[in-house]
Each structure stands twice: as C-alpha cells, then as structure tokens.
Amino acid sequence: MRPPAGRTSDGRRNPRLRQFVRQRLDQRRSPHQISVALRQEFPDDPEMQAD
C-alpha cells in the first residue's frame, strides 16, 4: 500500500513535494495539472508523485 500523497514511506512530510505543490497552487493550477506536472518532472521519483 502506498503512503498518502505528500508523505514519505515513514510518514514524515516531504518538504520538496510540499513546496512544488504550494508553488503550483499559488499559480492557480488545478490539482490535476499539478499531478501531471509531478509525473512529468519527476518520473522516476515515487516520493514526488501525488494522485
């Protein structure tokens, strides 16, 4: 089972993911747009993925 979005496998928050998402939200991006951008910019980093 995957950890919830924005958390690492040990439950701590991922500050890099949080910053990425916050910047996109400040740019008025939708959650879907942010999710797509994460997959494009970090395709091999599961800790930088969100649903």
PDB file of N, CA and C in Angstrom:
ATOM      1  N   MET A   1       0.835  -1.180   0.000  1.00  0.00           N
ATOM      2  CA  MET A   1       0.000   0.000   0.000  1.00  0.00           C
ATOM      3  C   MET A   1       0.879   1.242   0.000  1.00  0.00           C
ATOM      4  N   ARG A   2       0.520   2.227  -0.823  1.00  0.00           N
ATOM      5  CA  ARG A   2       1.292   3.462  -0.911  1.00  0.00           C
ATOM      6  C   ARG A   2       0.981   4.389   0.258  1.00  0.00           C
ATOM      7  N   PRO A   3       1.974   5.193   0.669  1.00  0.00           N
ATOM      8  CA  PRO A   3       1.684   6.193   1.694  1.00  0.00           C
ATOM      9  C   PRO A   3       0.804   7.290   1.100  1.00  0.00           C
ATOM     10  N   PRO A   4       0.083   8.021   1.931  1.00  0.00           N
ATOM     11  CA  PRO A   4      -0.743   9.120   1.417  1.00  0.00           C
ATOM     12  C   PRO A   4       0.110  10.131   0.658  1.00  0.00           C
ATOM     13  N   ALA A   5      -0.488  10.820  -0.298  1.00  0.00           N
ATOM     14  CA  ALA A   5       0.220  11.822  -1.088  1.00  0.00           C
ATOM     15  C   ALA A   5       0.841  12.860  -0.158  1.00  0.00           C
ATOM     16  N   GLY A   6       2.068  13.245  -0.456  1.00  0.00           N
ATOM     17  CA  GLY A   6       2.737  14.256   0.330  1.00  0.00           C
ATOM     18  C   GLY A   6       3.501  13.711   1.520  1.00  0.00           C
ATOM     19  N   ARG A   7       3.528  12.406   1.668  1.00  0.00           N
ATOM     20  CA  ARG A   7       4.248  11.804   2.788  1.00  0.00           C
ATOM     21  C   ARG A   7       5.207  10.746   2.262  1.00  0.00           C
ATOM     22  N   THR A   8       6.298  10.597   2.962  1.00  0.00           N
ATOM     23  CA  THR A   8       7.245   9.546   2.605  1.00  0.00           C
ATOM     24  C   THR A   8       6.794   8.255   3.264  1.00  0.00           C
ATOM     25  N   SER A   9       7.461   7.175   2.956  1.00  0.00           N
ATOM     26  CA  SER A   9       7.037   5.875   3.478  1.00  0.00           C
ATOM     27  C   SER A   9       7.108   5.801   5.000  1.00  0.00           C
ATOM     28  N   ASP A  10       7.947   6.620   5.633  1.00  0.00           N
ATOM     29  CA  ASP A  10       8.000   6.583   7.094  1.00  0.00           C
ATOM     30  C   ASP A  10       7.053   7.599   7.725  1.00  0.00           C
ATOM     31  N   GLY A  11       6.213   8.243   6.931  1.00  0.00           N
ATOM     32  CA  GLY A  11       5.173   9.108   7.459  1.00  0.00           C
ATOM     33  C   GLY A  11       5.556  10.572   7.606  1.00  0.00           C
ATOM     34  N   ARG A  12       6.817  10.896   7.415  1.00  0.00           N
ATOM     35  CA  ARG A  12       7.209  12.303   7.522  1.00  0.00           C
ATOM     36  C   ARG A  12       6.807  13.053   6.264  1.00  0.00           C
ATOM     37  N   ARG A  13       6.543  14.297   6.420  1.00  0.00           N
ATOM     38  CA  ARG A  13       6.167  15.117   5.270  1.00  0.00           C
ATOM     39  C   ARG A  13       7.363  15.307   4.347  1.00  0.00           C
ATOM     40  N   ASN A  14       7.082  15.435   3.065  1.00  0.00           N
ATOM     41  CA  ASN A  14       8.109  15.641   2.054  1.00  0.00           C
ATOM     42  C   ASN A  14       8.136  17.132   1.729  1.00  0.00           C
ATOM     43  N   PRO A  15       9.108  17.889   2.252  1.00  0.00           N
ATOM     44  CA  PRO A  15       9.126  19.333   2.030  1.00  0.00           C
ATOM     45  C   PRO A  15       9.287  19.718   0.565  1.00  0.00           C
ATOM     46  N   ARG A  16       9.996  18.914  -0.201  1.00  0.00           N
ATOM     47  CA  ARG A  16      10.184  19.219  -1.626  1.00  0.00           C
ATOM     48  C   ARG A  16       8.861  19.100  -2.381  1.00  0.00           C
ATOM     49  N   LEU A  17       8.102  18.051  -2.077  1.00  0.00           N
ATOM     50  CA  LEU A  17       6.787  17.883  -2.695  1.00  0.00           C
ATOM     51  C   LEU A  17       5.854  19.002  -2.252  1.00  0.00           C
ATOM     52  N   ARG A  18       5.881  19.299  -0.992  1.00  0.00           N
ATOM     53  CA  ARG A  18       5.018  20.358  -0.456  1.00  0.00           C
ATOM     54  C   ARG A  18       5.296  21.695  -1.138  1.00  0.00           C
ATOM     55  N   GLN A  19       6.580  22.031  -1.312  1.00  0.00           N
ATOM     56  CA  GLN A  19       6.945  23.289  -1.965  1.00  0.00           C
ATOM     57  C   GLN A  19       6.491  23.302  -3.427  1.00  0.00           C
ATOM     58  N   PHE A  20       6.691  22.204  -4.118  1.00  0.00           N
ATOM     59  CA  PHE A  20       6.281  22.109  -5.524  1.00  0.00           C
ATOM     60  C   PHE A  20       4.779  22.348  -5.644  1.00  0.00           C
ATOM     61  N   VAL A  21       3.999  21.656  -4.808  1.00  0.00           N
ATOM     62  CA  VAL A  21       2.542  21.775  -4.857  1.00  0.00           C
ATOM     63  C   VAL A  21       2.118  23.192  -4.476  1.00  0.00           C
ATOM     64  N   ARG A  22       2.702  23.755  -3.419  1.00  0.00           N
ATOM     65  CA  ARG A  22       2.343  25.106  -2.974  1.00  0.00           C
ATOM     66  C   ARG A  22       2.603  26.134  -4.073  1.00  0.00           C
ATOM     67  N   GLN A  23       3.735  26.027  -4.757  1.00  0.00           N
ATOM     68  CA  GLN A  23       4.048  26.960  -5.842  1.00  0.00           C
ATOM     69  C   GLN A  23       3.004  26.875  -6.953  1.00  0.00           C
ATOM     70  N   ARG A  24       2.608  25.657  -7.296  1.00  0.00           N
ATOM     71  CA  ARG A  24       1.611  25.491  -8.372  1.00  0.00           C
ATOM     72  C   ARG A  24       0.237  25.988  -7.935  1.00  0.00           C
ATOM     73  N   LEU A  25      -0.117  25.751  -6.678  1.00  0.00           N
ATOM     74  CA  LEU A  25      -1.398  26.259  -6.181  1.00  0.00           C
ATOM     75  C   LEU A  25      -1.404  27.788  -6.189  1.00  0.00           C
ATOM     76  N   ASP A  26      -0.277  28.392  -5.838  1.00  0.00           N
ATOM     77  CA  ASP A  26      -0.176  29.852  -5.869  1.00  0.00           C
ATOM     78  C   ASP A  26      -0.321  30.387  -7.290  1.00  0.00           C
ATOM     79  N   GLN A  27       0.017  29.562  -8.275  1.00  0.00           N
ATOM     80  CA  GLN A  27      -0.136  29.928  -9.687  1.00  0.00           C
ATOM     81  C   GLN A  27      -1.532  29.595 -10.210  1.00  0.00           C
ATOM     82  N   ARG A  28      -2.423  29.206  -9.284  1.00  0.00           N
ATOM     83  CA  ARG A  28      -3.817  28.879  -9.602  1.00  0.00           C
ATOM     84  C   ARG A  28      -3.946  27.635 -10.482  1.00  0.00           C
ATOM     85  N   ARG A  29      -3.012  26.680 -10.330  1.00  0.00           N
ATOM     86  CA  ARG A  29      -3.088  25.414 -11.059  1.00  0.00           C
ATOM     87  C   ARG A  29      -4.059  24.487 -10.361  1.00  0.00           C
ATOM     88  N   SER A  30      -4.705  23.630 -11.119  1.00  0.00           N
ATOM     89  CA  SER A  30      -5.637  22.669 -10.542  1.00  0.00           C
ATOM     90  C   SER A  30      -4.861  21.475  -9.984  1.00  0.00           C
ATOM     91  N   PRO A  31      -5.468  20.718  -9.081  1.00  0.00           N
ATOM     92  CA  PRO A  31      -4.809  19.507  -8.582  1.00  0.00           C
ATOM     93  C   PRO A  31      -4.423  18.549  -9.708  1.00  0.00           C
ATOM     94  N   HIS A  32      -5.276  18.434 -10.702  1.00  0.00           N
ATOM     95  CA  HIS A  32      -4.958  17.554 -11.837  1.00  0.00           C
ATOM     96  C   HIS A  32      -3.719  18.065 -12.573  1.00  0.00           C
ATOM     97  N   GLN A  33      -3.635  19.364 -12.817  1.00  0.00           N
ATOM     98  CA  GLN A  33      -2.467  19.922 -13.502  1.00  0.00           C
ATOM     99  C   GLN A  33      -1.197  19.691 -12.686  1.00  0.00           C
ATOM    100  N   ILE A  34      -1.295  19.813 -11.381  1.00  0.00           N
ATOM    101  CA  ILE A  34      -0.142  19.602 -10.510  1.00  0.00           C
ATOM    102  C   ILE A  34       0.292  18.144 -10.558  1.00  0.00           C
ATOM    103  N   SER A  35      -0.655  17.229 -10.524  1.00  0.00           N
ATOM    104  CA  SER A  35      -0.346  15.804 -10.588  1.00  0.00           C
ATOM    105  C   SER A  35       0.363  15.457 -11.890  1.00  0.00           C
ATOM    106  N   VAL A  36      -0.122  15.998 -12.995  1.00  0.00           N
ATOM    107  CA  VAL A  36       0.500  15.755 -14.301  1.00  0.00           C
ATOM    108  C   VAL A  36       1.922  16.324 -14.314  1.00  0.00           C
ATOM    109  N   ALA A  37       2.095  17.545 -13.795  1.00  0.00           N
ATOM    110  CA  ALA A  37       3.417  18.173 -13.767  1.00  0.00           C
ATOM    111  C   ALA A  37       4.400  17.356 -12.923  1.00  0.00           C
ATOM    112  N   LEU A  38       3.936  16.815 -11.806  1.00  0.00           N
ATOM    113  CA  LEU A  38       4.803  15.988 -10.967  1.00  0.00           C
ATOM    114  C   LEU A  38       5.276  14.759 -11.724  1.00  0.00           C
ATOM    115  N   ARG A  39       4.368  14.096 -12.430  1.00  0.00           N
ATOM    116  CA  ARG A  39       4.755  12.895 -13.194  1.00  0.00           C
ATOM    117  C   ARG A  39       5.743  13.246 -14.308  1.00  0.00           C
ATOM    118  N   GLN A  40       5.583  14.414 -14.909  1.00  0.00           N
ATOM    119  CA  GLN A  40       6.478  14.816 -15.996  1.00  0.00           C
ATOM    120  C   GLN A  40       7.852  15.228 -15.476  1.00  0.00           C
ATOM    121  N   GLU A  41       7.885  15.967 -14.384  1.00  0.00           N
ATOM    122  CA  GLU A  41       9.155  16.487 -13.876  1.00  0.00           C
ATOM    123  C   GLU A  41       9.925  15.489 -13.014  1.00  0.00           C
ATOM    124  N   PHE A  42       9.225  14.527 -12.411  1.00  0.00           N
ATOM    125  CA  PHE A  42       9.868  13.560 -11.520  1.00  0.00           C
ATOM    126  C   PHE A  42       9.388  12.142 -11.847  1.00  0.00           C
ATOM    127  N   PRO A  43       9.602  11.676 -13.074  1.00  0.00           N
ATOM    128  CA  PRO A  43       9.042  10.381 -13.474  1.00  0.00           C
ATOM    129  C   PRO A  43       9.611   9.183 -12.714  1.00  0.00           C
ATOM    130  N   ASP A  44      10.823   9.296 -12.202  1.00  0.00           N
ATOM    131  CA  ASP A  44      11.456   8.158 -11.524  1.00  0.00           C
ATOM    132  C   ASP A  44      11.541   8.320 -10.011  1.00  0.00           C
ATOM    133  N   ASP A  45      10.799   9.285  -9.465  1.00  0.00           N
ATOM    134  CA  ASP A  45      10.844   9.546  -8.030  1.00  0.00           C
ATOM    135  C   ASP A  45       9.465   9.345  -7.418  1.00  0.00           C
ATOM    136  N   PRO A  46       9.201   8.159  -6.862  1.00  0.00           N
ATOM    137  CA  PRO A  46       7.867   7.889  -6.317  1.00  0.00           C
ATOM    138  C   PRO A  46       7.479   8.799  -5.146  1.00  0.00           C
ATOM    139  N   GLU A  47       8.455   9.368  -4.453  1.00  0.00           N
ATOM    140  CA  GLU A  47       8.132  10.271  -3.353  1.00  0.00           C
ATOM    141  C   GLU A  47       7.624  11.622  -3.846  1.00  0.00           C
ATOM    142  N   MET A  48       7.817  11.885  -5.148  1.00  0.00           N
ATOM    143  CA  MET A  48       7.346  13.146  -5.727  1.00  0.00           C
ATOM    144  C   MET A  48       6.093  12.922  -6.571  1.00  0.00           C
ATOM    145  N   GLN A  49       5.363  11.885  -6.294  1.00  0.00           N
ATOM    146  CA  GLN A  49       4.131  11.585  -7.009  1.00  0.00           C
ATOM    147  C   GLN A  49       2.934  11.864  -6.109  1.00  0.00           C
ATOM    148  N   ALA A  50       1.873  12.311  -6.703  1.00  0.00           N
ATOM    149  CA  ALA A  50       0.619  12.547  -5.981  1.00  0.00           C
ATOM    150  C   ALA A  50      -0.522  12.096  -6.882  1.00  0.00           C
ATOM    151  N   ASP A  51      -1.575  11.665  -6.280  1.00  0.00           N
ATOM    152  CA  ASP A  51      -2.746  11.228  -7.061  1.00  0.00           C
ATOM    153  C   ASP A  51      -3.604  12.404  -7.432  1.00  0.00           C
TER     154      ASP A  51
END
